[in-house]
Amino acid sequence: MASKLKHKAQKRQEDLHQRIDSIASVKKRLEQERQDIFDSGCVAPPGCWIARYLAKGRKGHYSYYKLQATETMFTTKTDGKLSKYKHSGKLVANFT
């Protein structure tokens, strides 16, 4: 009986180490990707960020994303005027 408990504890410890190694590997990869993005230069105009907002549709709530800026810089599709916002679309998943 004691041998079985010791074996289970050892197995849990091995599983824990595998998960820790996996998380450490993903963390290292993400840090490298982040650094690559910074090294590539400016990825959006200054004063620009991504904003997320929720909207309610007939089948539930959806997350929408848009680029938002401190000054007008995005050309609108309808009349070609400049806007502070550029909508990027609806997130596939809905939240009911």
C-alpha atoms as a PDB file:
ATOM      1  CA  MET A   1       0.000   0.000   0.000  1.00  0.00           C
ATOM      2  CA  ALA A   2       2.779   2.430   0.935  1.00  0.00           C
ATOM      3  CA  SER A   3       4.520   1.590  -2.313  1.00  0.00           C
ATOM      4  CA  LYS A   4       1.399   2.540  -4.332  1.00  0.00           C
ATOM      5  CA  LEU A   5       1.104   5.863  -2.518  1.00  0.00           C
ATOM      6  CA  LYS A   6       4.771   6.588  -3.085  1.00  0.00           C
ATOM      7  CA  HIS A   7       4.385   5.735  -6.791  1.00  0.00           C
ATOM      8  CA  LYS A   8       1.323   8.034  -7.115  1.00  0.00           C
ATOM      9  CA  ALA A   9       3.165  10.873  -5.384  1.00  0.00           C
ATOM     10  CA  GLN A  10       6.148  10.387  -7.680  1.00  0.00           C
ATOM     11  CA  LYS A  11       3.857  10.358 -10.748  1.00  0.00           C
ATOM     12  CA  ARG A  12       2.160  13.592  -9.604  1.00  0.00           C
ATOM     13  CA  GLN A  13       5.559  15.182  -9.096  1.00  0.00           C
ATOM     14  CA  GLU A  14       6.657  14.153 -12.613  1.00  0.00           C
ATOM     15  CA  ASP A  15       3.417  15.535 -14.090  1.00  0.00           C
ATOM     16  CA  LEU A  16       3.940  18.778 -12.214  1.00  0.00           C
ATOM     17  CA  HIS A  17       7.493  19.105 -13.546  1.00  0.00           C
ATOM     18  CA  GLN A  18       6.274  18.445 -17.105  1.00  0.00           C
ATOM     19  CA  ARG A  19       3.629  21.172 -16.782  1.00  0.00           C
ATOM     20  CA  ILE A  20       6.168  23.595 -15.317  1.00  0.00           C
ATOM     21  CA  ASP A  21       8.581  22.866 -18.184  1.00  0.00           C
ATOM     22  CA  SER A  22       5.781  23.341 -20.715  1.00  0.00           C
ATOM     23  CA  ILE A  23       4.742  26.684 -19.208  1.00  0.00           C
ATOM     24  CA  ALA A  24       8.358  27.854 -19.044  1.00  0.00           C
ATOM     25  CA  SER A  25       8.803  26.959 -22.716  1.00  0.00           C
ATOM     26  CA  VAL A  26       5.678  28.881 -23.759  1.00  0.00           C
ATOM     27  CA  LYS A  27       6.749  31.860 -21.624  1.00  0.00           C
ATOM     28  CA  LYS A  28      10.152  31.919 -23.303  1.00  0.00           C
ATOM     29  CA  ARG A  29       8.562  31.729 -26.778  1.00  0.00           C
ATOM     30  CA  LEU A  30       6.132  34.562 -25.979  1.00  0.00           C
ATOM     31  CA  GLU A  31       8.915  36.736 -24.599  1.00  0.00           C
ATOM     32  CA  GLN A  32      10.872  36.189 -27.830  1.00  0.00           C
ATOM     33  CA  GLU A  33       7.826  37.018 -29.974  1.00  0.00           C
ATOM     34  CA  ARG A  34       7.273  40.176 -27.937  1.00  0.00           C
ATOM     35  CA  GLN A  35      10.906  41.181 -28.379  1.00  0.00           C
ATOM     36  CA  ASP A  36      10.689  40.501 -32.130  1.00  0.00           C
ATOM     37  CA  ILE A  37       7.689  42.836 -32.350  1.00  0.00           C
ATOM     38  CA  PHE A  38       9.538  45.580 -30.470  1.00  0.00           C
ATOM     39  CA  ASP A  39      12.644  45.066 -32.620  1.00  0.00           C
ATOM     40  CA  SER A  40      10.601  45.349 -35.835  1.00  0.00           C
ATOM     41  CA  GLY A  41       9.808  48.981 -35.059  1.00  0.00           C
ATOM     42  CA  CYS A  42       6.531  50.820 -34.768  1.00  0.00           C
ATOM     43  CA  VAL A  43       3.560  48.523 -35.386  1.00  0.00           C
ATOM     44  CA  ALA A  44       0.894  51.224 -35.098  1.00  0.00           C
ATOM     45  CA  PRO A  45       0.926  54.987 -35.513  1.00  0.00           C
ATOM     46  CA  PRO A  46       1.772  56.956 -32.353  1.00  0.00           C
ATOM     47  CA  GLY A  47      -1.306  57.727 -30.256  1.00  0.00           C
ATOM     48  CA  CYS A  48      -3.084  54.614 -31.507  1.00  0.00           C
ATOM     49  CA  TRP A  49      -4.351  51.568 -29.587  1.00  0.00           C
ATOM     50  CA  ILE A  50      -6.760  48.639 -29.860  1.00  0.00           C
ATOM     51  CA  ALA A  51     -10.045  49.037 -27.998  1.00  0.00           C
ATOM     52  CA  ARG A  52     -12.515  46.235 -27.307  1.00  0.00           C
ATOM     53  CA  TYR A  53     -16.170  46.704 -26.602  1.00  0.00           C
ATOM     54  CA  LEU A  54     -19.177  44.442 -26.143  1.00  0.00           C
ATOM     55  CA  ALA A  55     -22.299  44.626 -28.257  1.00  0.00           C
ATOM     56  CA  LYS A  56     -25.533  42.724 -27.821  1.00  0.00           C
ATOM     57  CA  GLY A  57     -26.890  40.910 -30.843  1.00  0.00           C
ATOM     58  CA  ARG A  58     -29.896  38.678 -31.405  1.00  0.00           C
ATOM     59  CA  LYS A  59     -27.896  35.582 -30.468  1.00  0.00           C
ATOM     60  CA  GLY A  60     -25.914  36.953 -27.537  1.00  0.00           C
ATOM     61  CA  HIS A  61     -23.117  39.375 -26.728  1.00  0.00           C
ATOM     62  CA  TYR A  62     -20.168  39.862 -29.085  1.00  0.00           C
ATOM     63  CA  SER A  63     -16.761  41.442 -28.648  1.00  0.00           C
ATOM     64  CA  TYR A  64     -15.839  43.988 -31.287  1.00  0.00           C
ATOM     65  CA  TYR A  65     -12.382  45.454 -31.808  1.00  0.00           C
ATOM     66  CA  LYS A  66     -11.383  48.814 -33.217  1.00  0.00           C
ATOM     67  CA  LEU A  67      -8.265  50.887 -33.623  1.00  0.00           C
ATOM     68  CA  GLN A  68      -8.666  54.124 -31.739  1.00  0.00           C
ATOM     69  CA  ALA A  69      -6.480  57.225 -32.014  1.00  0.00           C
ATOM     70  CA  THR A  70      -6.061  60.515 -30.211  1.00  0.00           C
ATOM     71  CA  GLU A  71      -6.369  62.385 -33.533  1.00  0.00           C
ATOM     72  CA  THR A  72      -8.266  61.711 -36.747  1.00  0.00           C
ATOM     73  CA  MET A  73      -6.150  59.523 -39.041  1.00  0.00           C
ATOM     74  CA  PHE A  74      -8.288  56.704 -40.456  1.00  0.00           C
ATOM     75  CA  THR A  75     -10.174  57.131 -43.717  1.00  0.00           C
ATOM     76  CA  THR A  76     -13.840  56.123 -43.540  1.00  0.00           C
ATOM     77  CA  LYS A  77     -15.262  53.713 -46.130  1.00  0.00           C
ATOM     78  CA  THR A  78     -18.417  55.673 -46.856  1.00  0.00           C
ATOM     79  CA  ASP A  79     -17.370  59.260 -47.481  1.00  0.00           C
ATOM     80  CA  GLY A  80     -13.575  59.190 -47.243  1.00  0.00           C
ATOM     81  CA  LYS A  81     -13.437  61.572 -44.296  1.00  0.00           C
ATOM     82  CA  LEU A  82     -10.955  61.101 -41.476  1.00  0.00           C
ATOM     83  CA  SER A  83     -11.981  59.443 -38.229  1.00  0.00           C
ATOM     84  CA  LYS A  84     -10.421  58.564 -34.867  1.00  0.00           C
ATOM     85  CA  TYR A  85     -11.776  55.015 -35.158  1.00  0.00           C
ATOM     86  CA  LYS A  86     -11.237  52.073 -37.500  1.00  0.00           C
ATOM     87  CA  HIS A  87     -13.425  49.072 -36.781  1.00  0.00           C
ATOM     88  CA  SER A  88     -11.798  45.705 -37.339  1.00  0.00           C
ATOM     89  CA  GLY A  89     -14.836  43.491 -36.947  1.00  0.00           C
ATOM     90  CA  LYS A  90     -16.614  41.083 -34.682  1.00  0.00           C
ATOM     91  CA  LEU A  91     -14.935  38.399 -32.644  1.00  0.00           C
ATOM     92  CA  VAL A  92     -16.067  34.944 -33.755  1.00  0.00           C
ATOM     93  CA  ALA A  93     -17.136  33.749 -30.301  1.00  0.00           C
ATOM     94  CA  ASN A  94     -20.253  35.088 -28.682  1.00  0.00           C
ATOM     95  CA  PHE A  95     -20.983  35.401 -24.994  1.00  0.00           C
ATOM     96  CA  THR A  96     -24.509  34.500 -23.965  1.00  0.00           C
END
